[in-house]
Amino acid sequence: QVQLVESGGGLVQAGGSLRLSCAASGRTFSRYGMDWFRQAPGKEREFVATISKSGGSTYYINSVKGRFTISRDIANNTVNLQMNSLKPEDTAVYYCKANFDTLTVWGQGILVTVSS
């Protein structure tokens, strides 16, 4: 059964950094596009970043451009989100999403809290 598991979240002071990782079982990431979403308290889930099948193309929402980097580690079948210069408004549960050919799979989410 396909599963995605996020790791690397936690509490960080404003201006600090965290690296989130998304690990998959049952599928290989390299053939599929991968996304990161987030859901802040009292807000709807929103798109954050995406990476193409090969890792050659990425896209970010304006609020995280220049601060967040999405990347693939094909050898370890993981997708990462490096988050730098974190702001309190980045506080949210972050979700990894796999865009498989006939199936979309979401991770359970991991909490990132940025203190002011």
C-alpha atoms as a PDB file:
ATOM      1  CA  GLN A   1       0.000   0.000   0.000  1.00  0.00           C
ATOM      2  CA  VAL A   2       1.314   3.446  -0.924  1.00  0.00           C
ATOM      3  CA  GLN A   3       2.323   5.640   2.003  1.00  0.00           C
ATOM      4  CA  LEU A   4       3.985   9.041   2.333  1.00  0.00           C
ATOM      5  CA  VAL A   5       5.626  10.020   5.610  1.00  0.00           C
ATOM      6  CA  GLU A   6       6.844  13.534   6.404  1.00  0.00           C
ATOM      7  CA  SER A   7       9.618  14.248   8.892  1.00  0.00           C
ATOM      8  CA  GLY A   8      11.777  17.141  10.065  1.00  0.00           C
ATOM      9  CA  GLY A   9       9.191  19.507  11.512  1.00  0.00           C
ATOM     10  CA  GLY A  10       9.338  21.202  14.870  1.00  0.00           C
ATOM     11  CA  LEU A  11       9.647  24.533  16.636  1.00  0.00           C
ATOM     12  CA  VAL A  12      12.014  27.197  15.359  1.00  0.00           C
ATOM     13  CA  GLN A  13      12.575  30.878  16.048  1.00  0.00           C
ATOM     14  CA  ALA A  14      11.801  33.428  13.341  1.00  0.00           C
ATOM     15  CA  GLY A  15      14.721  33.665  10.932  1.00  0.00           C
ATOM     16  CA  GLY A  16      15.728  30.061  11.474  1.00  0.00           C
ATOM     17  CA  SER A  17      15.636  27.059   9.160  1.00  0.00           C
ATOM     18  CA  LEU A  18      14.095  23.605   8.946  1.00  0.00           C
ATOM     19  CA  ARG A  19      14.324  20.821   6.379  1.00  0.00           C
ATOM     20  CA  LEU A  20      11.258  18.659   5.767  1.00  0.00           C
ATOM     21  CA  SER A  21      11.530  15.268   4.104  1.00  0.00           C
ATOM     22  CA  CYS A  22       8.890  13.095   2.468  1.00  0.00           C
ATOM     23  CA  ALA A  23       9.598   9.381   2.156  1.00  0.00           C
ATOM     24  CA  ALA A  24       7.515   6.981   0.089  1.00  0.00           C
ATOM     25  CA  SER A  25       6.845   3.270   0.206  1.00  0.00           C
ATOM     26  CA  GLY A  26       5.311   1.230  -2.591  1.00  0.00           C
ATOM     27  CA  ARG A  27       6.119   3.760  -5.345  1.00  0.00           C
ATOM     28  CA  THR A  28       9.148   5.430  -6.850  1.00  0.00           C
ATOM     29  CA  PHE A  29       9.139   9.243  -6.771  1.00  0.00           C
ATOM     30  CA  SER A  30      11.331   9.692  -9.814  1.00  0.00           C
ATOM     31  CA  ARG A  31       8.515   9.170 -12.337  1.00  0.00           C
ATOM     32  CA  TYR A  32       6.012  11.539 -10.736  1.00  0.00           C
ATOM     33  CA  GLY A  33       5.542  15.168  -9.835  1.00  0.00           C
ATOM     34  CA  MET A  34       5.564  15.970  -6.123  1.00  0.00           C
ATOM     35  CA  ASP A  35       4.041  18.871  -4.197  1.00  0.00           C
ATOM     36  CA  TRP A  36       4.187  20.428  -0.761  1.00  0.00           C
ATOM     37  CA  PHE A  37       1.056  21.988   0.727  1.00  0.00           C
ATOM     38  CA  ARG A  38       0.410  23.566   4.098  1.00  0.00           C
ATOM     39  CA  GLN A  39      -2.546  24.387   6.309  1.00  0.00           C
ATOM     40  CA  ALA A  40      -2.266  27.149   8.890  1.00  0.00           C
ATOM     41  CA  PRO A  41      -4.578  27.397  11.911  1.00  0.00           C
ATOM     42  CA  GLY A  42      -8.010  28.585  10.802  1.00  0.00           C
ATOM     43  CA  LYS A  43      -7.004  28.546   7.125  1.00  0.00           C
ATOM     44  CA  GLU A  44      -7.668  26.285   4.161  1.00  0.00           C
ATOM     45  CA  ARG A  45      -4.927  24.048   2.836  1.00  0.00           C
ATOM     46  CA  GLU A  46      -2.768  25.901   0.302  1.00  0.00           C
ATOM     47  CA  PHE A  47      -0.195  24.954  -2.308  1.00  0.00           C
ATOM     48  CA  VAL A  48       3.424  25.761  -1.438  1.00  0.00           C
ATOM     49  CA  ALA A  49       5.777  24.191  -3.995  1.00  0.00           C
ATOM     50  CA  THR A  50       6.028  21.581  -6.732  1.00  0.00           C
ATOM     51  CA  ILE A  51       8.805  19.668  -8.479  1.00  0.00           C
ATOM     52  CA  SER A  52       8.642  17.911 -11.840  1.00  0.00           C
ATOM     53  CA  LYS A  53       9.222  14.210 -12.496  1.00  0.00           C
ATOM     54  CA  SER A  54      12.898  14.668 -13.270  1.00  0.00           C
ATOM     55  CA  GLY A  55      13.477  17.428 -10.738  1.00  0.00           C
ATOM     56  CA  GLY A  56      14.354  19.866 -13.497  1.00  0.00           C
ATOM     57  CA  SER A  57      11.441  22.254 -12.935  1.00  0.00           C
ATOM     58  CA  THR A  58      10.127  23.797  -9.737  1.00  0.00           C
ATOM     59  CA  TYR A  59       7.479  26.342  -8.825  1.00  0.00           C
ATOM     60  CA  TYR A  60       6.719  28.204  -5.596  1.00  0.00           C
ATOM     61  CA  ILE A  61       4.033  30.506  -4.294  1.00  0.00           C
ATOM     62  CA  ASN A  62       5.225  34.081  -4.079  1.00  0.00           C
ATOM     63  CA  SER A  63       5.302  34.179  -0.288  1.00  0.00           C
ATOM     64  CA  VAL A  64       8.060  31.533  -0.086  1.00  0.00           C
ATOM     65  CA  LYS A  65      10.123  32.343  -3.193  1.00  0.00           C
ATOM     66  CA  GLY A  66      13.764  32.839  -2.308  1.00  0.00           C
ATOM     67  CA  ARG A  67      13.309  31.197   1.093  1.00  0.00           C
ATOM     68  CA  PHE A  68      12.091  27.641   0.357  1.00  0.00           C
ATOM     69  CA  THR A  69      13.681  25.054  -1.931  1.00  0.00           C
ATOM     70  CA  ILE A  70      12.048  21.814  -3.060  1.00  0.00           C
ATOM     71  CA  SER A  71      14.361  19.034  -4.238  1.00  0.00           C
ATOM     72  CA  ARG A  72      14.547  15.331  -5.018  1.00  0.00           C
ATOM     73  CA  ASP A  73      16.890  12.702  -3.640  1.00  0.00           C
ATOM     74  CA  ILE A  74      16.316   9.949  -6.177  1.00  0.00           C
ATOM     75  CA  ALA A  75      18.734   7.490  -4.583  1.00  0.00           C
ATOM     76  CA  ASN A  76      16.795   7.576  -1.310  1.00  0.00           C
ATOM     77  CA  ASN A  77      13.351   8.036  -2.900  1.00  0.00           C
ATOM     78  CA  THR A  78      12.625  11.217  -0.959  1.00  0.00           C
ATOM     79  CA  VAL A  79      11.456  14.756  -1.675  1.00  0.00           C
ATOM     80  CA  ASN A  80      12.696  17.559   0.557  1.00  0.00           C
ATOM     81  CA  LEU A  81      11.630  21.085   1.411  1.00  0.00           C
ATOM     82  CA  GLN A  82      14.411  23.286   2.743  1.00  0.00           C
ATOM     83  CA  MET A  83      12.877  26.249   4.563  1.00  0.00           C
ATOM     84  CA  ASN A  84      15.102  29.217   5.382  1.00  0.00           C
ATOM     85  CA  SER A  85      14.395  32.641   6.888  1.00  0.00           C
ATOM     86  CA  LEU A  86      11.239  31.293   8.461  1.00  0.00           C
ATOM     87  CA  LYS A  87       8.497  33.695   9.500  1.00  0.00           C
ATOM     88  CA  PRO A  88       5.674  33.265  12.029  1.00  0.00           C
ATOM     89  CA  GLU A  89       3.199  33.203   9.140  1.00  0.00           C
ATOM     90  CA  ASP A  90       4.889  30.000   7.906  1.00  0.00           C
ATOM     91  CA  THR A  91       3.457  28.192  10.927  1.00  0.00           C
ATOM     92  CA  ALA A  92       1.301  25.359   9.591  1.00  0.00           C
ATOM     93  CA  VAL A  93       0.920  21.645   9.155  1.00  0.00           C
ATOM     94  CA  TYR A  94       2.905  20.754   6.041  1.00  0.00           C
ATOM     95  CA  TYR A  95       1.768  17.957   3.716  1.00  0.00           C
ATOM     96  CA  CYS A  96       3.595  16.052   1.001  1.00  0.00           C
ATOM     97  CA  LYS A  97       1.507  15.103  -2.061  1.00  0.00           C
ATOM     98  CA  ALA A  98       2.403  12.569  -4.736  1.00  0.00           C
ATOM     99  CA  ASN A  99       0.835  12.971  -8.179  1.00  0.00           C
ATOM    100  CA  PHE A 100       0.815   9.384  -9.393  1.00  0.00           C
ATOM    101  CA  ASP A 101      -0.602   8.512 -12.811  1.00  0.00           C
ATOM    102  CA  THR A 102      -4.031   7.404 -11.566  1.00  0.00           C
ATOM    103  CA  LEU A 103      -3.833   8.264  -7.883  1.00  0.00           C
ATOM    104  CA  THR A 104      -3.079  11.229  -5.660  1.00  0.00           C
ATOM    105  CA  VAL A 105      -1.602  10.347  -2.271  1.00  0.00           C
ATOM    106  CA  TRP A 106      -1.230  12.677   0.715  1.00  0.00           C
ATOM    107  CA  GLY A 107       1.010  12.303   3.721  1.00  0.00           C
ATOM    108  CA  GLN A 108      -0.387  12.711   7.221  1.00  0.00           C
ATOM    109  CA  GLY A 109       1.234  16.108   7.676  1.00  0.00           C
ATOM    110  CA  ILE A 110       3.899  17.466  10.016  1.00  0.00           C
ATOM    111  CA  LEU A 111       3.729  20.575  12.200  1.00  0.00           C
ATOM    112  CA  VAL A 112       6.069  23.518  11.717  1.00  0.00           C
ATOM    113  CA  THR A 113       5.845  26.234  14.363  1.00  0.00           C
ATOM    114  CA  VAL A 114       7.762  29.496  13.962  1.00  0.00           C
ATOM    115  CA  SER A 115       7.929  31.697  17.037  1.00  0.00           C
ATOM    116  CA  SER A 116       8.259  35.471  16.884  1.00  0.00           C
END
